[in-house]
PDB file of all heavy atoms in Angstrom:
ATOM      1  N   PRO A   1     197.316 -99.253  80.238  1.00  0.00           N
ATOM      2  CA  PRO A   1     195.854 -99.605  80.251  1.00  0.00           C
ATOM      3  C   PRO A   1     194.997 -98.494  79.760  1.00  0.00           C
ATOM      4  O   PRO A   1     194.041 -98.704  79.034  1.00  0.00           O
ATOM      5  CB  PRO A   1     195.579 -99.931  81.724  1.00  0.00           C
ATOM      6  CG  PRO A   1     196.867-100.326  82.330  1.00  0.00           C
ATOM      7  CD  PRO A   1     197.917 -99.510  81.573  1.00  0.00           C
ATOM      8  N   GLN A   2     195.331 -97.237  80.098  1.00  0.00           N
ATOM      9  CA  GLN A   2     194.528 -96.092  79.633  1.00  0.00           C
ATOM     10  C   GLN A   2     194.595 -95.982  78.146  1.00  0.00           C
ATOM     11  O   GLN A   2     193.594 -95.672  77.437  1.00  0.00           O
ATOM     12  CB  GLN A   2     194.999 -94.762  80.261  1.00  0.00           C
ATOM     13  CG  GLN A   2     194.038 -93.644  79.945  1.00  0.00           C
ATOM     14  CD  GLN A   2     192.666 -93.909  80.398  1.00  0.00           C
ATOM     15  OE1 GLN A   2     192.384 -94.415  81.526  1.00  0.00           O
ATOM     16  NE2 GLN A   2     191.667 -93.625  79.522  1.00  0.00           N
ATOM     17  N   LYS A   3     195.704 -96.271  77.492  1.00  0.00           N
ATOM     18  CA  LYS A   3     195.753 -96.292  76.065  1.00  0.00           C
ATOM     19  C   LYS A   3     194.888 -97.442  75.430  1.00  0.00           C
ATOM     20  O   LYS A   3     194.200 -97.210  74.425  1.00  0.00           O
ATOM     21  CB  LYS A   3     197.219 -96.458  75.586  1.00  0.00           C
ATOM     22  CG  LYS A   3     197.466 -96.508  74.112  1.00  0.00           C
ATOM     23  CD  LYS A   3     197.207 -95.234  73.464  1.00  0.00           C
ATOM     24  CE  LYS A   3     197.587 -95.319  71.993  1.00  0.00           C
ATOM     25  NZ  LYS A   3     197.082 -94.184  71.285  1.00  0.00           N
ATOM     26  N   LEU A   4     194.855 -98.591  76.065  1.00  0.00           N
ATOM     27  CA  LEU A   4     194.026 -99.697  75.586  1.00  0.00           C
ATOM     28  C   LEU A   4     192.561 -99.238  75.704  1.00  0.00           C
ATOM     29  O   LEU A   4     191.783 -99.569  74.811  1.00  0.00           O
ATOM     30  CB  LEU A   4     194.341-100.938  76.384  1.00  0.00           C
ATOM     31  CG  LEU A   4     195.697-101.529  76.205  1.00  0.00           C
ATOM     32  CD1 LEU A   4     195.945-102.676  77.178  1.00  0.00           C
ATOM     33  CD2 LEU A   4     195.932-102.009  74.790  1.00  0.00           C
ATOM     34  N   ILE A   5     192.184 -98.608  76.812  1.00  0.00           N
ATOM     35  CA  ILE A   5     190.794 -98.203  76.930  1.00  0.00           C
ATOM     36  C   ILE A   5     190.425 -97.188  75.938  1.00  0.00           C
ATOM     37  O   ILE A   5     189.332 -97.257  75.333  1.00  0.00           O
ATOM     38  CB  ILE A   5     190.609 -97.615  78.430  1.00  0.00           C
ATOM     39  CG1 ILE A   5     190.657 -98.762  79.419  1.00  0.00           C
ATOM     40  CG2 ILE A   5     189.276 -96.911  78.530  1.00  0.00           C
ATOM     41  CD1 ILE A   5     190.838 -98.340  80.847  1.00  0.00           C
ATOM     42  N   THR A   6     191.353 -96.242  75.648  1.00  0.00           N
ATOM     43  CA  THR A   6     191.073 -95.196  74.621  1.00  0.00           C
ATOM     44  C   THR A   6     190.860 -95.884  73.278  1.00  0.00           C
ATOM     45  O   THR A   6     189.970 -95.568  72.563  1.00  0.00           O
ATOM     46  CB  THR A   6     192.257 -94.211  74.581  1.00  0.00           C
ATOM     47  OG1 THR A   6     192.326 -93.510  75.828  1.00  0.00           O
ATOM     48  CG2 THR A   6     191.996 -93.153  73.464  1.00  0.00           C
ATOM     49  N   MET A   7     191.761 -96.851  72.937  1.00  0.00           N
ATOM     50  CA  MET A   7     191.654 -97.500  71.642  1.00  0.00           C
ATOM     51  C   MET A   7     190.350 -98.321  71.542  1.00  0.00           C
ATOM     52  O   MET A   7     189.668 -98.273  70.523  1.00  0.00           O
ATOM     53  CB  MET A   7     192.871 -98.453  71.492  1.00  0.00           C
ATOM     54  CG  MET A   7     194.151 -97.609  71.227  1.00  0.00           C
ATOM     55  SD  MET A   7     195.626 -98.660  71.357  1.00  0.00           S
ATOM     56  CE  MET A   7     195.365-100.001  70.235  1.00  0.00           C
ATOM     57  N   ALA A   8     189.991 -99.012  72.679  1.00  0.00           N
ATOM     58  CA  ALA A   8     188.720 -99.837  72.666  1.00  0.00           C
ATOM     59  C   ALA A   8     187.565 -98.897  72.446  1.00  0.00           C
ATOM     60  O   ALA A   8     186.602 -99.208  71.762  1.00  0.00           O
ATOM     61  CB  ALA A   8     188.611-100.626  73.938  1.00  0.00           C
ATOM     62  N   ASN A   9     187.540 -97.739  73.141  1.00  0.00           N
ATOM     63  CA  ASN A   9     186.460 -96.804  72.978  1.00  0.00           C
ATOM     64  C   ASN A   9     186.364 -96.200  71.609  1.00  0.00           C
ATOM     65  O   ASN A   9     185.281 -95.974  71.090  1.00  0.00           O
ATOM     66  CB  ASN A   9     186.608 -95.696  74.046  1.00  0.00           C
ATOM     67  CG  ASN A   9     186.112 -96.094  75.386  1.00  0.00           C
ATOM     68  OD1 ASN A   9     185.299 -96.998  75.547  1.00  0.00           O
ATOM     69  ND2 ASN A   9     186.667 -95.479  76.429  1.00  0.00           N
ATOM     70  N   GLN A  10     187.473 -95.995  70.929  1.00  0.00           N
ATOM     71  CA  GLN A  10     187.495 -95.581  69.531  1.00  0.00           C
ATOM     72  C   GLN A  10     186.839 -96.568  68.624  1.00  0.00           C
ATOM     73  O   GLN A  10     186.048 -96.270  67.751  1.00  0.00           O
ATOM     74  CB  GLN A  10     188.900 -95.252  69.065  1.00  0.00           C
ATOM     75  CG  GLN A  10     189.497 -94.004  69.719  1.00  0.00           C
ATOM     76  CD  GLN A  10     190.949 -93.850  69.412  1.00  0.00           C
ATOM     77  OE1 GLN A  10     191.672 -94.752  69.141  1.00  0.00           O
ATOM     78  NE2 GLN A  10     191.394 -92.583  69.569  1.00  0.00           N
ATOM     79  N   ILE A  11     187.207 -97.890  68.899  1.00  0.00           N
ATOM     80  CA  ILE A  11     186.528 -98.967  68.145  1.00  0.00           C
ATOM     81  C   ILE A  11     185.011 -98.930  68.358  1.00  0.00           C
ATOM     82  O   ILE A  11     184.244 -99.112  67.464  1.00  0.00           O
ATOM     83  CB  ILE A  11     187.173-100.364  68.490  1.00  0.00           C
ATOM     84  CG1 ILE A  11     188.597-100.375  68.038  1.00  0.00           C
ATOM     85  CG2 ILE A  11     186.384-101.467  67.871  1.00  0.00           C
ATOM     86  CD1 ILE A  11     189.439-101.425  68.684  1.00  0.00           C
ATOM     87  N   GLY A  12     184.587 -98.828  69.646  1.00  0.00           N
ATOM     88  CA  GLY A  12     183.231 -98.761  69.999  1.00  0.00           C
ATOM     89  C   GLY A  12     182.508 -97.629  69.313  1.00  0.00           C
ATOM     90  O   GLY A  12     181.394 -97.776  68.811  1.00  0.00           O
ATOM     91  N   ALA A  13     183.187 -96.461  69.280  1.00  0.00           N
ATOM     92  CA  ALA A  13     182.576 -95.274  68.614  1.00  0.00           C
ATOM     93  C   ALA A  13     182.251 -95.599  67.131  1.00  0.00           C
ATOM     94  O   ALA A  13     181.276 -95.158  66.600  1.00  0.00           O
ATOM     95  CB  ALA A  13     183.463 -94.064  68.751  1.00  0.00           C
ATOM     96  N   PHE A  14     183.204 -96.315  66.454  1.00  0.00           N
ATOM     97  CA  PHE A  14     183.035 -96.608  65.053  1.00  0.00           C
ATOM     98  C   PHE A  14     181.772 -97.486  64.891  1.00  0.00           C
ATOM     99  O   PHE A  14     180.908 -97.266  64.018  1.00  0.00           O
ATOM    100  CB  PHE A  14     184.274 -97.321  64.530  1.00  0.00           C
ATOM    101  CG  PHE A  14     184.072 -97.822  63.093  1.00  0.00           C
ATOM    102  CD1 PHE A  14     184.214 -96.947  62.067  1.00  0.00           C
ATOM    103  CD2 PHE A  14     183.799 -99.165  62.866  1.00  0.00           C
ATOM    104  CE1 PHE A  14     184.039 -97.415  60.739  1.00  0.00           C
ATOM    105  CE2 PHE A  14     183.579 -99.600  61.582  1.00  0.00           C
ATOM    106  CZ  PHE A  14     183.703 -98.732  60.514  1.00  0.00           C
ATOM    107  N   PHE A  15     181.636 -98.571  65.734  1.00  0.00           N
ATOM    108  CA  PHE A  15     180.566 -99.513  65.579  1.00  0.00           C
ATOM    109  C   PHE A  15     179.274 -99.032  66.106  1.00  0.00           C
ATOM    110  O   PHE A  15     178.239 -99.723  65.860  1.00  0.00           O
ATOM    111  CB  PHE A  15     180.960-100.886  66.237  1.00  0.00           C
ATOM    112  CG  PHE A  15     181.932-101.669  65.356  1.00  0.00           C
ATOM    113  CD1 PHE A  15     183.280-101.654  65.623  1.00  0.00           C
ATOM    114  CD2 PHE A  15     181.458-102.381  64.254  1.00  0.00           C
ATOM    115  CE1 PHE A  15     184.169-102.380  64.834  1.00  0.00           C
ATOM    116  CE2 PHE A  15     182.308-103.066  63.451  1.00  0.00           C
ATOM    117  CZ  PHE A  15     183.706-103.044  63.767  1.00  0.00           C
ATOM    118  N   GLU A  16     179.199 -97.933  66.804  1.00  0.00           N
ATOM    119  CA  GLU A  16     177.884 -97.357  67.235  1.00  0.00           C
ATOM    120  C   GLU A  16     177.010 -96.952  66.122  1.00  0.00           C
ATOM    121  O   GLU A  16     175.814 -96.827  66.326  1.00  0.00           O
ATOM    122  CB  GLU A  16     178.166 -96.155  68.197  1.00  0.00           C
ATOM    123  CG  GLU A  16     178.660 -96.642  69.578  1.00  0.00           C
ATOM    124  CD  GLU A  16     179.066 -95.493  70.494  1.00  0.00           C
ATOM    125  OE1 GLU A  16     179.027 -94.316  70.055  1.00  0.00           O
ATOM    126  OE2 GLU A  16     179.388 -95.735  71.610  1.00  0.00           O
ATOM    127  N   ALA A  17     177.584 -96.778  64.938  1.00  0.00           N
ATOM    128  CA  ALA A  17     176.787 -96.459  63.745  1.00  0.00           C
ATOM    129  C   ALA A  17     175.948 -97.655  63.326  1.00  0.00           C
ATOM    130  O   ALA A  17     174.967 -97.502  62.581  1.00  0.00           O
ATOM    131  CB  ALA A  17     177.656 -95.974  62.627  1.00  0.00           C
ATOM    132  N   GLU A  18     176.263 -98.857  63.722  1.00  0.00           N
ATOM    133  CA  GLU A  18     175.594-100.075  63.287  1.00  0.00           C
ATOM    134  C   GLU A  18     174.257-100.092  64.048  1.00  0.00           C
ATOM    135  O   GLU A  18     174.188-100.022  65.289  1.00  0.00           O
ATOM    136  CB  GLU A  18     176.331-101.302  63.723  1.00  0.00           C
ATOM    137  CG  GLU A  18     175.691-102.613  63.606  1.00  0.00           C
ATOM    138  CD  GLU A  18     175.193-102.941  62.247  1.00  0.00           C
ATOM    139  OE1 GLU A  18     175.984-102.920  61.298  1.00  0.00           O
ATOM    140  OE2 GLU A  18     173.948-103.177  62.077  1.00  0.00           O
ATOM    141  N   PRO A  19     173.162-100.103  63.307  1.00  0.00           N
ATOM    142  CA  PRO A  19     171.843-100.070  63.974  1.00  0.00           C
ATOM    143  C   PRO A  19     171.425-101.331  64.718  1.00  0.00           C
ATOM    144  O   PRO A  19     170.622-101.245  65.678  1.00  0.00           O
ATOM    145  CB  PRO A  19     170.820 -99.821  62.782  1.00  0.00           C
ATOM    146  CG  PRO A  19     171.562-100.292  61.597  1.00  0.00           C
ATOM    147  CD  PRO A  19     173.006-100.072  61.889  1.00  0.00           C
ATOM    148  N   ASP A  20     171.978-102.492  64.403  1.00  0.00           N
ATOM    149  CA  ASP A  20     171.679-103.713  65.150  1.00  0.00           C
ATOM    150  C   ASP A  20     172.677-103.907  66.255  1.00  0.00           C
ATOM    151  O   ASP A  20     173.884-104.095  66.072  1.00  0.00           O
ATOM    152  CB  ASP A  20     171.864-104.910  64.172  1.00  0.00           C
ATOM    153  CG  ASP A  20     171.555-106.218  64.786  1.00  0.00           C
ATOM    154  OD1 ASP A  20     171.445-106.302  66.065  1.00  0.00           O
ATOM    155  OD2 ASP A  20     171.371-107.248  64.017  1.00  0.00           O
ATOM    156  N   PRO A  21     172.204-103.763  67.552  1.00  0.00           N
ATOM    157  CA  PRO A  21     173.120-103.847  68.660  1.00  0.00           C
ATOM    158  C   PRO A  21     173.952-105.116  68.785  1.00  0.00           C
ATOM    159  O   PRO A  21     175.131-105.068  69.110  1.00  0.00           O
ATOM    160  CB  PRO A  21     172.197-103.727  69.890  1.00  0.00           C
ATOM    161  CG  PRO A  21     170.896-103.213  69.372  1.00  0.00           C
ATOM    162  CD  PRO A  21     170.777-103.603  67.892  1.00  0.00           C
ATOM    163  N   GLU A  22     173.364-106.229  68.427  1.00  0.00           N
ATOM    164  CA  GLU A  22     174.116-107.488  68.437  1.00  0.00           C
ATOM    165  C   GLU A  22     175.242-107.474  67.432  1.00  0.00           C
ATOM    166  O   GLU A  22     176.320-107.985  67.660  1.00  0.00           O
ATOM    167  CB  GLU A  22     173.241-108.702  68.281  1.00  0.00           C
ATOM    168  CG  GLU A  22     172.337-108.943  69.437  1.00  0.00           C
ATOM    169  CD  GLU A  22     171.399-110.192  69.293  1.00  0.00           C
ATOM    170  OE1 GLU A  22     171.606-110.913  68.369  1.00  0.00           O
ATOM    171  OE2 GLU A  22     170.517-110.290  70.148  1.00  0.00           O
ATOM    172  N   ARG A  23     174.933-106.991  66.265  1.00  0.00           N
ATOM    173  CA  ARG A  23     176.009-106.909  65.240  1.00  0.00           C
ATOM    174  C   ARG A  23     177.072-105.938  65.613  1.00  0.00           C
ATOM    175  O   ARG A  23     178.355-106.148  65.325  1.00  0.00           O
ATOM    176  CB  ARG A  23     175.438-106.492  63.898  1.00  0.00           C
ATOM    177  CG  ARG A  23     174.717-107.645  63.201  1.00  0.00           C
ATOM    178  CD  ARG A  23     174.167-107.312  61.855  1.00  0.00           C
ATOM    179  NE  ARG A  23     175.259-106.905  61.033  1.00  0.00           N
ATOM    180  CZ  ARG A  23     175.203-106.908  59.722  1.00  0.00           C
ATOM    181  NH1 ARG A  23     174.084-107.222  59.079  1.00  0.00           N
ATOM    182  NH2 ARG A  23     176.225-106.493  58.987  1.00  0.00           N
ATOM    183  N   ALA A  24     176.634-104.797  66.242  1.00  0.00           N
ATOM    184  CA  ALA A  24     177.676-103.813  66.734  1.00  0.00           C
ATOM    185  C   ALA A  24     178.522-104.474  67.815  1.00  0.00           C
ATOM    186  O   ALA A  24     179.798-104.324  67.751  1.00  0.00           O
ATOM    187  CB  ALA A  24     176.989-102.605  67.320  1.00  0.00           C
ATOM    188  N   GLN A  25     177.994-105.205  68.755  1.00  0.00           N
ATOM    189  CA  GLN A  25     178.799-105.860  69.740  1.00  0.00           C
ATOM    190  C   GLN A  25     179.739-106.872  69.134  1.00  0.00           C
ATOM    191  O   GLN A  25     180.904-106.965  69.460  1.00  0.00           O
ATOM    192  CB  GLN A  25     177.896-106.619  70.784  1.00  0.00           C
ATOM    193  CG  GLN A  25     177.093-105.652  71.622  1.00  0.00           C
ATOM    194  CD  GLN A  25     176.072-106.433  72.503  1.00  0.00           C
ATOM    195  OE1 GLN A  25     176.182-107.669  72.706  1.00  0.00           O
ATOM    196  NE2 GLN A  25     175.096-105.703  73.001  1.00  0.00           N
ATOM    197  N   ALA A  26     179.240-107.683  68.225  1.00  0.00           N
ATOM    198  CA  ALA A  26     180.058-108.661  67.539  1.00  0.00           C
ATOM    199  C   ALA A  26     181.152-107.955  66.754  1.00  0.00           C
ATOM    200  O   ALA A  26     182.285-108.504  66.702  1.00  0.00           O
ATOM    201  CB  ALA A  26     179.207-109.587  66.627  1.00  0.00           C
ATOM    202  N   GLY A  27     180.863-106.826  66.146  1.00  0.00           N
ATOM    203  CA  GLY A  27     181.879-106.103  65.398  1.00  0.00           C
ATOM    204  C   GLY A  27     183.034-105.651  66.313  1.00  0.00           C
ATOM    205  O   GLY A  27     184.247-105.785  65.929  1.00  0.00           O
ATOM    206  N   VAL A  28     182.652-105.099  67.456  1.00  0.00           N
ATOM    207  CA  VAL A  28     183.723-104.680  68.417  1.00  0.00           C
ATOM    208  C   VAL A  28     184.570-105.867  68.808  1.00  0.00           C
ATOM    209  O   VAL A  28     185.754-105.834  68.813  1.00  0.00           O
ATOM    210  CB  VAL A  28     183.037-103.949  69.661  1.00  0.00           C
ATOM    211  CG1 VAL A  28     184.132-103.736  70.714  1.00  0.00           C
ATOM    212  CG2 VAL A  28     182.422-102.670  69.250  1.00  0.00           C
ATOM    213  N   ALA A  29     183.901-106.913  69.246  1.00  0.00           N
ATOM    214  CA  ALA A  29     184.611-108.169  69.727  1.00  0.00           C
ATOM    215  C   ALA A  29     185.505-108.760  68.605  1.00  0.00           C
ATOM    216  O   ALA A  29     186.632-109.116  68.877  1.00  0.00           O
ATOM    217  CB  ALA A  29     183.599-109.131  70.257  1.00  0.00           C
ATOM    218  N   ASP A  30     184.968-108.812  67.402  1.00  0.00           N
ATOM    219  CA  ASP A  30     185.720-109.282  66.339  1.00  0.00           C
ATOM    220  C   ASP A  30     186.938-108.484  66.003  1.00  0.00           C
ATOM    221  O   ASP A  30     188.088-108.988  65.761  1.00  0.00           O
ATOM    222  CB  ASP A  30     184.822-109.443  65.057  1.00  0.00           C
ATOM    223  CG  ASP A  30     185.544-110.188  63.981  1.00  0.00           C
ATOM    224  OD1 ASP A  30     186.012-111.341  64.176  1.00  0.00           O
ATOM    225  OD2 ASP A  30     185.571-109.656  62.836  1.00  0.00           O
ATOM    226  N   HIS A  31     186.815-107.183  66.065  1.00  0.00           N
ATOM    227  CA  HIS A  31     187.961-106.346  65.806  1.00  0.00           C
ATOM    228  C   HIS A  31     189.024-106.507  66.928  1.00  0.00           C
ATOM    229  O   HIS A  31     190.197-106.652  66.551  1.00  0.00           O
ATOM    230  CB  HIS A  31     187.515-104.837  65.800  1.00  0.00           C
ATOM    231  CG  HIS A  31     188.661-103.922  65.457  1.00  0.00           C
ATOM    232  ND1 HIS A  31     188.857-103.479  64.199  1.00  0.00           N
ATOM    233  CD2 HIS A  31     189.588-103.377  66.221  1.00  0.00           C
ATOM    234  CE1 HIS A  31     189.976-102.736  64.203  1.00  0.00           C
ATOM    235  NE2 HIS A  31     190.421-102.575  65.443  1.00  0.00           N
ATOM    236  N   LEU A  32     188.618-106.574  68.154  1.00  0.00           N
ATOM    237  CA  LEU A  32     189.615-106.811  69.213  1.00  0.00           C
ATOM    238  C   LEU A  32     190.253-108.144  69.030  1.00  0.00           C
ATOM    239  O   LEU A  32     191.449-108.280  69.285  1.00  0.00           O
ATOM    240  CB  LEU A  32     188.836-106.726  70.599  1.00  0.00           C
ATOM    241  CG  LEU A  32     188.331-105.357  70.986  1.00  0.00           C
ATOM    242  CD1 LEU A  32     187.542-105.441  72.279  1.00  0.00           C
ATOM    243  CD2 LEU A  32     189.423-104.333  71.103  1.00  0.00           C
ATOM    244  N   ARG A  33     189.541-109.188  68.698  1.00  0.00           N
ATOM    245  CA  ARG A  33     190.149-110.479  68.571  1.00  0.00           C
ATOM    246  C   ARG A  33     191.022-110.602  67.381  1.00  0.00           C
ATOM    247  O   ARG A  33     192.109-111.183  67.487  1.00  0.00           O
ATOM    248  CB  ARG A  33     188.982-111.563  68.479  1.00  0.00           C
ATOM    249  CG  ARG A  33     189.459-112.986  68.490  1.00  0.00           C
ATOM    250  CD  ARG A  33     188.344-113.943  68.346  1.00  0.00           C
ATOM    251  NE  ARG A  33     187.599-113.754  67.133  1.00  0.00           N
ATOM    252  CZ  ARG A  33     187.974-114.145  65.889  1.00  0.00           C
ATOM    253  NH1 ARG A  33     189.110-114.774  65.746  1.00  0.00           N
ATOM    254  NH2 ARG A  33     187.220-113.975  64.853  1.00  0.00           N
ATOM    255  N   ARG A  34     190.650-110.074  66.252  1.00  0.00           N
ATOM    256  CA  ARG A  34     191.474-110.151  65.072  1.00  0.00           C
ATOM    257  C   ARG A  34     192.633-109.287  64.995  1.00  0.00           C
ATOM    258  O   ARG A  34     193.716-109.637  64.395  1.00  0.00           O
ATOM    259  CB  ARG A  34     190.582-109.927  63.802  1.00  0.00           C
ATOM    260  CG  ARG A  34     189.533-111.025  63.685  1.00  0.00           C
ATOM    261  CD  ARG A  34     188.613-110.802  62.517  1.00  0.00           C
ATOM    262  NE  ARG A  34     189.376-110.751  61.255  1.00  0.00           N
ATOM    263  CZ  ARG A  34     189.019-110.105  60.163  1.00  0.00           C
ATOM    264  NH1 ARG A  34     187.889-109.361  60.186  1.00  0.00           N
ATOM    265  NH2 ARG A  34     189.714-110.091  59.108  1.00  0.00           N
TER     266      ARG A  34
END
């Protein structure tokens, strides 16, 4: 689980550069799903 959390946080860090919060959230979710 800790590895999954680390990976999810890395994805989140990437999408934090997106200025639109909804698009950033969708980007994280889409990456996890795909």
